[in-house]
Amino acid sequence: MTQYKNIVVAVDGSKEAEYAFKKSIDVAKRNGESTLNLVNVIDTRSFAAIEAYDRSIAERAQSFSEELLAGYKKQAEEAGVKNVKVLIEYGSPKTIITKELSKVVDADLIVCGATGLNAVERFLIGSVSEAIVRSAKCDVLVVRTPDNEE
Protein backbone atom coordinates (compact mmCIF):
# COMPACT_ATOMS: atom_id res chain seq x y z
CA MET A 1 0.00 0.00 0.00
CA THR A 2 1.27 3.45 -0.91
CA GLN A 3 2.14 5.74 1.98
CA TYR A 4 1.16 9.34 1.32
CA LYS A 5 3.27 11.82 3.28
CA ASN A 6 2.30 15.16 1.71
CA ILE A 7 -1.35 15.49 0.79
CA VAL A 8 -2.65 18.60 -0.97
CA VAL A 9 -6.36 19.33 -0.64
CA ALA A 10 -7.84 21.94 -2.94
CA VAL A 11 -10.82 23.70 -1.34
CA ASP A 12 -12.96 26.54 -2.64
CA GLY A 13 -15.99 26.61 -0.34
CA SER A 14 -18.11 24.32 -2.52
CA LYS A 15 -19.95 21.22 -1.31
CA GLU A 16 -17.71 19.10 -3.56
CA ALA A 17 -14.58 20.55 -1.97
CA GLU A 18 -16.00 19.82 1.48
CA TYR A 19 -16.39 16.14 0.58
CA ALA A 20 -12.83 16.10 -0.77
CA PHE A 21 -11.62 17.65 2.49
CA LYS A 22 -13.43 15.03 4.58
CA LYS A 23 -12.00 12.21 2.46
CA SER A 24 -8.51 13.72 2.82
CA ILE A 25 -8.81 13.53 6.60
CA ASP A 26 -9.44 9.78 6.33
CA VAL A 27 -6.47 9.33 3.99
CA ALA A 28 -4.16 11.38 6.23
CA LYS A 29 -5.18 9.42 9.33
CA ARG A 30 -4.64 6.07 7.57
CA ASN A 31 -1.17 7.20 6.53
CA GLY A 32 0.03 8.10 10.02
CA GLU A 33 2.29 11.13 10.03
CA SER A 34 1.01 12.67 6.79
CA THR A 35 0.98 16.43 6.33
CA LEU A 36 -2.35 17.75 5.15
CA ASN A 37 -1.80 20.88 3.02
CA LEU A 38 -5.09 22.76 2.71
CA VAL A 39 -4.98 25.17 -0.21
CA ASN A 40 -7.34 27.79 -1.55
CA VAL A 41 -6.34 29.45 -4.79
CA ILE A 42 -7.78 32.91 -5.30
CA ASP A 43 -8.43 33.03 -9.02
CA THR A 44 -7.21 36.52 -9.85
CA ARG A 45 -8.49 36.24 -13.42
CA SER A 46 -12.08 36.22 -12.18
CA PHE A 47 -11.92 39.59 -10.44
CA ALA A 48 -9.18 41.44 -12.30
CA ALA A 49 -11.62 43.59 -14.32
CA ILE A 50 -13.89 44.25 -11.34
CA GLU A 51 -11.01 45.28 -9.08
CA ALA A 52 -10.46 48.44 -11.14
CA TYR A 53 -13.85 49.61 -9.85
CA ASP A 54 -13.88 47.99 -6.44
CA ARG A 55 -10.50 47.74 -4.69
CA SER A 56 -11.92 45.85 -1.72
CA ILE A 57 -12.64 42.71 -3.72
CA ALA A 58 -9.12 41.31 -3.24
CA GLU A 59 -9.34 41.98 0.50
CA ARG A 60 -12.71 40.21 0.69
CA ALA A 61 -11.33 37.24 -1.26
CA GLN A 62 -8.36 37.03 1.13
CA SER A 63 -10.65 37.20 4.19
CA PHE A 64 -12.90 34.50 2.76
CA SER A 65 -9.88 32.25 2.13
CA GLU A 66 -8.46 32.81 5.61
CA GLU A 67 -11.79 31.98 7.30
CA LEU A 68 -12.40 28.96 5.07
CA LEU A 69 -8.96 27.49 5.70
CA ALA A 70 -9.01 28.23 9.43
CA GLY A 71 -12.30 26.34 9.73
CA TYR A 72 -10.99 23.36 7.78
CA LYS A 73 -7.74 23.33 9.74
CA LYS A 74 -9.65 23.26 13.02
CA GLN A 75 -11.83 20.38 11.79
CA ALA A 76 -8.80 18.37 10.63
CA GLU A 77 -7.00 18.85 13.94
CA GLU A 78 -10.12 17.93 15.90
CA ALA A 79 -10.40 14.77 13.77
CA GLY A 80 -6.88 13.77 14.81
CA VAL A 81 -4.66 14.99 11.96
CA LYS A 82 -1.49 16.27 13.62
CA ASN A 83 0.24 18.05 10.72
CA VAL A 84 -2.02 20.58 9.01
CA LYS A 85 -0.79 23.50 6.93
CA VAL A 86 -2.86 26.16 5.19
CA LEU A 87 -1.84 27.91 2.00
CA ILE A 88 -3.46 30.77 0.13
CA GLU A 89 -2.23 31.24 -3.41
CA TYR A 90 -3.14 33.68 -6.17
CA GLY A 91 -3.52 32.85 -9.85
CA SER A 92 -5.11 30.08 -11.88
CA PRO A 93 -6.03 27.06 -9.74
CA LYS A 94 -5.35 24.78 -12.71
CA THR A 95 -1.69 25.74 -12.89
CA ILE A 96 -0.92 26.77 -9.30
CA ILE A 97 -1.98 23.44 -7.76
CA THR A 98 -0.12 21.09 -10.09
CA LYS A 99 2.79 23.09 -11.46
CA GLU A 100 3.82 25.14 -8.43
CA LEU A 101 2.24 24.14 -5.14
CA SER A 102 2.63 20.38 -5.51
CA LYS A 103 6.38 20.90 -6.06
CA VAL A 104 6.76 23.28 -3.11
CA VAL A 105 5.18 20.83 -0.65
CA ASP A 106 6.53 17.72 -2.43
CA ALA A 107 2.99 16.38 -2.85
CA ASP A 108 2.46 12.70 -3.38
CA LEU A 109 -1.36 12.99 -3.44
CA ILE A 110 -3.72 15.76 -4.53
CA VAL A 111 -7.34 15.54 -3.39
CA CYS A 112 -10.05 17.63 -5.04
CA GLY A 113 -13.80 17.66 -5.60
CA ALA A 114 -15.23 16.49 -8.91
CA THR A 115 -16.55 19.97 -9.59
CA GLY A 116 -16.22 23.33 -7.88
CA LEU A 117 -17.82 26.74 -7.69
CA ASN A 118 -17.20 28.12 -11.17
CA ALA A 119 -19.78 26.53 -13.50
CA VAL A 120 -19.20 29.02 -16.33
CA GLU A 121 -15.46 28.28 -16.51
CA ARG A 122 -16.13 24.55 -16.30
CA PHE A 123 -18.50 24.82 -19.28
CA LEU A 124 -16.15 26.94 -21.37
CA ILE A 125 -12.70 25.52 -20.70
CA GLY A 126 -13.02 22.49 -18.45
CA SER A 127 -12.94 21.87 -14.73
CA VAL A 128 -10.06 22.42 -12.33
CA SER A 129 -10.21 18.77 -11.27
CA GLU A 130 -9.89 17.69 -14.91
CA ALA A 131 -6.81 19.90 -15.32
CA ILE A 132 -5.29 18.50 -12.12
CA VAL A 133 -5.79 14.92 -13.30
CA ARG A 134 -4.20 15.70 -16.66
CA SER A 135 -1.13 17.57 -15.41
CA ALA A 136 -0.31 16.29 -11.91
CA LYS A 137 2.95 14.41 -11.45
CA CYS A 138 1.58 12.58 -8.41
CA ASP A 139 -1.54 10.56 -7.57
CA VAL A 140 -4.86 12.40 -7.71
CA LEU A 141 -8.04 11.51 -5.85
CA VAL A 142 -11.16 13.13 -7.31
CA VAL A 143 -14.00 12.90 -4.82
CA ARG A 144 -17.59 12.80 -6.03
CA THR A 145 -20.53 14.19 -4.11
CA PRO A 146 -22.84 11.39 -2.92
CA ASP A 147 -25.97 11.05 -5.10
CA ASN A 148 -28.27 11.93 -2.23
CA GLU A 149 -26.50 15.31 -1.80
CA GLU A 150 -26.83 16.59 -5.37
C-alpha atoms as a PDB file:
ATOM      1  CA  MET A   1       0.000   0.000   0.000  1.00  0.00           C
ATOM      2  CA  THR A   2       1.268   3.447  -0.906  1.00  0.00           C
ATOM      3  CA  GLN A   3       2.144   5.737   1.980  1.00  0.00           C
ATOM      4  CA  TYR A   4       1.158   9.339   1.324  1.00  0.00           C
ATOM      5  CA  LYS A   5       3.267  11.817   3.282  1.00  0.00           C
ATOM      6  CA  ASN A   6       2.304  15.159   1.713  1.00  0.00           C
ATOM      7  CA  ILE A   7      -1.348  15.491   0.790  1.00  0.00           C
ATOM      8  CA  VAL A   8      -2.647  18.604  -0.970  1.00  0.00           C
ATOM      9  CA  VAL A   9      -6.362  19.330  -0.638  1.00  0.00           C
ATOM     10  CA  ALA A  10      -7.844  21.941  -2.944  1.00  0.00           C
ATOM     11  CA  VAL A  11     -10.816  23.705  -1.340  1.00  0.00           C
ATOM     12  CA  ASP A  12     -12.964  26.542  -2.641  1.00  0.00           C
ATOM     13  CA  GLY A  13     -15.994  26.614  -0.340  1.00  0.00           C
ATOM     14  CA  SER A  14     -18.110  24.323  -2.522  1.00  0.00           C
ATOM     15  CA  LYS A  15     -19.947  21.219  -1.309  1.00  0.00           C
ATOM     16  CA  GLU A  16     -17.707  19.097  -3.557  1.00  0.00           C
ATOM     17  CA  ALA A  17     -14.578  20.545  -1.965  1.00  0.00           C
ATOM     18  CA  GLU A  18     -15.996  19.819   1.481  1.00  0.00           C
ATOM     19  CA  TYR A  19     -16.387  16.142   0.577  1.00  0.00           C
ATOM     20  CA  ALA A  20     -12.831  16.101  -0.773  1.00  0.00           C
ATOM     21  CA  PHE A  21     -11.623  17.648   2.487  1.00  0.00           C
ATOM     22  CA  LYS A  22     -13.431  15.026   4.584  1.00  0.00           C
ATOM     23  CA  LYS A  23     -12.004  12.213   2.462  1.00  0.00           C
ATOM     24  CA  SER A  24      -8.507  13.720   2.816  1.00  0.00           C
ATOM     25  CA  ILE A  25      -8.806  13.525   6.605  1.00  0.00           C
ATOM     26  CA  ASP A  26      -9.443   9.783   6.326  1.00  0.00           C
ATOM     27  CA  VAL A  27      -6.471   9.330   3.988  1.00  0.00           C
ATOM     28  CA  ALA A  28      -4.161  11.382   6.233  1.00  0.00           C
ATOM     29  CA  LYS A  29      -5.180   9.418   9.327  1.00  0.00           C
ATOM     30  CA  ARG A  30      -4.639   6.066   7.572  1.00  0.00           C
ATOM     31  CA  ASN A  31      -1.172   7.196   6.534  1.00  0.00           C
ATOM     32  CA  GLY A  32       0.030   8.104  10.022  1.00  0.00           C
ATOM     33  CA  GLU A  33       2.294  11.129  10.031  1.00  0.00           C
ATOM     34  CA  SER A  34       1.013  12.674   6.790  1.00  0.00           C
ATOM     35  CA  THR A  35       0.983  16.432   6.334  1.00  0.00           C
ATOM     36  CA  LEU A  36      -2.350  17.752   5.149  1.00  0.00           C
ATOM     37  CA  ASN A  37      -1.803  20.880   3.024  1.00  0.00           C
ATOM     38  CA  LEU A  38      -5.092  22.760   2.710  1.00  0.00           C
ATOM     39  CA  VAL A  39      -4.984  25.165  -0.208  1.00  0.00           C
ATOM     40  CA  ASN A  40      -7.338  27.793  -1.548  1.00  0.00           C
ATOM     41  CA  VAL A  41      -6.337  29.454  -4.790  1.00  0.00           C
ATOM     42  CA  ILE A  42      -7.784  32.908  -5.295  1.00  0.00           C
ATOM     43  CA  ASP A  43      -8.435  33.027  -9.023  1.00  0.00           C
ATOM     44  CA  THR A  44      -7.207  36.516  -9.850  1.00  0.00           C
ATOM     45  CA  ARG A  45      -8.491  36.245 -13.421  1.00  0.00           C
ATOM     46  CA  SER A  46     -12.079  36.221 -12.183  1.00  0.00           C
ATOM     47  CA  PHE A  47     -11.921  39.590 -10.437  1.00  0.00           C
ATOM     48  CA  ALA A  48      -9.178  41.445 -12.296  1.00  0.00           C
ATOM     49  CA  ALA A  49     -11.615  43.587 -14.320  1.00  0.00           C
ATOM     50  CA  ILE A  50     -13.893  44.252 -11.344  1.00  0.00           C
ATOM     51  CA  GLU A  51     -11.015  45.285  -9.077  1.00  0.00           C
ATOM     52  CA  ALA A  52     -10.459  48.437 -11.142  1.00  0.00           C
ATOM     53  CA  TYR A  53     -13.850  49.611  -9.855  1.00  0.00           C
ATOM     54  CA  ASP A  54     -13.883  47.985  -6.443  1.00  0.00           C
ATOM     55  CA  ARG A  55     -10.496  47.744  -4.695  1.00  0.00           C
ATOM     56  CA  SER A  56     -11.918  45.850  -1.719  1.00  0.00           C
ATOM     57  CA  ILE A  57     -12.645  42.710  -3.724  1.00  0.00           C
ATOM     58  CA  ALA A  58      -9.124  41.310  -3.236  1.00  0.00           C
ATOM     59  CA  GLU A  59      -9.339  41.984   0.504  1.00  0.00           C
ATOM     60  CA  ARG A  60     -12.712  40.213   0.694  1.00  0.00           C
ATOM     61  CA  ALA A  61     -11.335  37.240  -1.257  1.00  0.00           C
ATOM     62  CA  GLN A  62      -8.355  37.034   1.130  1.00  0.00           C
ATOM     63  CA  SER A  63     -10.650  37.204   4.190  1.00  0.00           C
ATOM     64  CA  PHE A  64     -12.903  34.496   2.761  1.00  0.00           C
ATOM     65  CA  SER A  65      -9.879  32.250   2.133  1.00  0.00           C
ATOM     66  CA  GLU A  66      -8.460  32.813   5.614  1.00  0.00           C
ATOM     67  CA  GLU A  67     -11.792  31.985   7.296  1.00  0.00           C
ATOM     68  CA  LEU A  68     -12.397  28.963   5.068  1.00  0.00           C
ATOM     69  CA  LEU A  69      -8.958  27.487   5.700  1.00  0.00           C
ATOM     70  CA  ALA A  70      -9.007  28.230   9.428  1.00  0.00           C
ATOM     71  CA  GLY A  71     -12.298  26.338   9.734  1.00  0.00           C
ATOM     72  CA  TYR A  72     -10.993  23.360   7.775  1.00  0.00           C
ATOM     73  CA  LYS A  73      -7.736  23.329   9.740  1.00  0.00           C
ATOM     74  CA  LYS A  74      -9.649  23.255  13.024  1.00  0.00           C
ATOM     75  CA  GLN A  75     -11.833  20.378  11.791  1.00  0.00           C
ATOM     76  CA  ALA A  76      -8.802  18.374  10.634  1.00  0.00           C
ATOM     77  CA  GLU A  77      -6.995  18.851  13.940  1.00  0.00           C
ATOM     78  CA  GLU A  78     -10.122  17.927  15.898  1.00  0.00           C
ATOM     79  CA  ALA A  79     -10.403  14.771  13.774  1.00  0.00           C
ATOM     80  CA  GLY A  80      -6.876  13.772  14.814  1.00  0.00           C
ATOM     81  CA  VAL A  81      -4.660  14.986  11.960  1.00  0.00           C
ATOM     82  CA  LYS A  82      -1.491  16.274  13.621  1.00  0.00           C
ATOM     83  CA  ASN A  83       0.242  18.047  10.716  1.00  0.00           C
ATOM     84  CA  VAL A  84      -2.023  20.577   9.009  1.00  0.00           C
ATOM     85  CA  LYS A  85      -0.791  23.505   6.926  1.00  0.00           C
ATOM     86  CA  VAL A  86      -2.858  26.163   5.194  1.00  0.00           C
ATOM     87  CA  LEU A  87      -1.838  27.913   2.001  1.00  0.00           C
ATOM     88  CA  ILE A  88      -3.459  30.770   0.130  1.00  0.00           C
ATOM     89  CA  GLU A  89      -2.230  31.236  -3.405  1.00  0.00           C
ATOM     90  CA  TYR A  90      -3.136  33.679  -6.167  1.00  0.00           C
ATOM     91  CA  GLY A  91      -3.523  32.854  -9.846  1.00  0.00           C
ATOM     92  CA  SER A  92      -5.114  30.080 -11.881  1.00  0.00           C
ATOM     93  CA  PRO A  93      -6.027  27.056  -9.735  1.00  0.00           C
ATOM     94  CA  LYS A  94      -5.349  24.784 -12.706  1.00  0.00           C
ATOM     95  CA  THR A  95      -1.685  25.742 -12.887  1.00  0.00           C
ATOM     96  CA  ILE A  96      -0.921  26.767  -9.297  1.00  0.00           C
ATOM     97  CA  ILE A  97      -1.984  23.440  -7.755  1.00  0.00           C
ATOM     98  CA  THR A  98      -0.121  21.089 -10.089  1.00  0.00           C
ATOM     99  CA  LYS A  99       2.789  23.088 -11.460  1.00  0.00           C
ATOM    100  CA  GLU A 100       3.819  25.143  -8.426  1.00  0.00           C
ATOM    101  CA  LEU A 101       2.239  24.139  -5.136  1.00  0.00           C
ATOM    102  CA  SER A 102       2.632  20.385  -5.514  1.00  0.00           C
ATOM    103  CA  LYS A 103       6.384  20.902  -6.062  1.00  0.00           C
ATOM    104  CA  VAL A 104       6.756  23.279  -3.111  1.00  0.00           C
ATOM    105  CA  VAL A 105       5.180  20.832  -0.650  1.00  0.00           C
ATOM    106  CA  ASP A 106       6.534  17.724  -2.431  1.00  0.00           C
ATOM    107  CA  ALA A 107       2.986  16.383  -2.851  1.00  0.00           C
ATOM    108  CA  ASP A 108       2.459  12.701  -3.381  1.00  0.00           C
ATOM    109  CA  LEU A 109      -1.358  12.988  -3.443  1.00  0.00           C
ATOM    110  CA  ILE A 110      -3.720  15.759  -4.534  1.00  0.00           C
ATOM    111  CA  VAL A 111      -7.344  15.537  -3.386  1.00  0.00           C
ATOM    112  CA  CYS A 112     -10.049  17.632  -5.039  1.00  0.00           C
ATOM    113  CA  GLY A 113     -13.796  17.663  -5.601  1.00  0.00           C
ATOM    114  CA  ALA A 114     -15.230  16.491  -8.906  1.00  0.00           C
ATOM    115  CA  THR A 115     -16.554  19.974  -9.589  1.00  0.00           C
ATOM    116  CA  GLY A 116     -16.220  23.327  -7.881  1.00  0.00           C
ATOM    117  CA  LEU A 117     -17.817  26.742  -7.691  1.00  0.00           C
ATOM    118  CA  ASN A 118     -17.199  28.115 -11.165  1.00  0.00           C
ATOM    119  CA  ALA A 119     -19.779  26.526 -13.504  1.00  0.00           C
ATOM    120  CA  VAL A 120     -19.196  29.020 -16.326  1.00  0.00           C
ATOM    121  CA  GLU A 121     -15.461  28.284 -16.509  1.00  0.00           C
ATOM    122  CA  ARG A 122     -16.130  24.552 -16.305  1.00  0.00           C
ATOM    123  CA  PHE A 123     -18.505  24.820 -19.285  1.00  0.00           C
ATOM    124  CA  LEU A 124     -16.152  26.943 -21.372  1.00  0.00           C
ATOM    125  CA  ILE A 125     -12.698  25.522 -20.701  1.00  0.00           C
ATOM    126  CA  GLY A 126     -13.018  22.488 -18.446  1.00  0.00           C
ATOM    127  CA  SER A 127     -12.937  21.872 -14.729  1.00  0.00           C
ATOM    128  CA  VAL A 128     -10.064  22.421 -12.329  1.00  0.00           C
ATOM    129  CA  SER A 129     -10.211  18.770 -11.268  1.00  0.00           C
ATOM    130  CA  GLU A 130      -9.890  17.691 -14.908  1.00  0.00           C
ATOM    131  CA  ALA A 131      -6.813  19.904 -15.324  1.00  0.00           C
ATOM    132  CA  ILE A 132      -5.291  18.501 -12.122  1.00  0.00           C
ATOM    133  CA  VAL A 133      -5.792  14.917 -13.298  1.00  0.00           C
ATOM    134  CA  ARG A 134      -4.196  15.697 -16.663  1.00  0.00           C
ATOM    135  CA  SER A 135      -1.127  17.573 -15.413  1.00  0.00           C
ATOM    136  CA  ALA A 136      -0.312  16.294 -11.913  1.00  0.00           C
ATOM    137  CA  LYS A 137       2.952  14.414 -11.445  1.00  0.00           C
ATOM    138  CA  CYS A 138       1.582  12.580  -8.406  1.00  0.00           C
ATOM    139  CA  ASP A 139      -1.542  10.563  -7.571  1.00  0.00           C
ATOM    140  CA  VAL A 140      -4.862  12.401  -7.712  1.00  0.00           C
ATOM    141  CA  LEU A 141      -8.039  11.514  -5.848  1.00  0.00           C
ATOM    142  CA  VAL A 142     -11.157  13.134  -7.312  1.00  0.00           C
ATOM    143  CA  VAL A 143     -14.003  12.898  -4.816  1.00  0.00           C
ATOM    144  CA  ARG A 144     -17.590  12.798  -6.032  1.00  0.00           C
ATOM    145  CA  THR A 145     -20.534  14.192  -4.107  1.00  0.00           C
ATOM    146  CA  PRO A 146     -22.835  11.389  -2.924  1.00  0.00           C
ATOM    147  CA  ASP A 147     -25.967  11.047  -5.104  1.00  0.00           C
ATOM    148  CA  ASN A 148     -28.273  11.928  -2.235  1.00  0.00           C
ATOM    149  CA  GLU A 149     -26.504  15.314  -1.802  1.00  0.00           C
ATOM    150  CA  GLU A 150     -26.831  16.594  -5.371  1.00  0.00           C
END
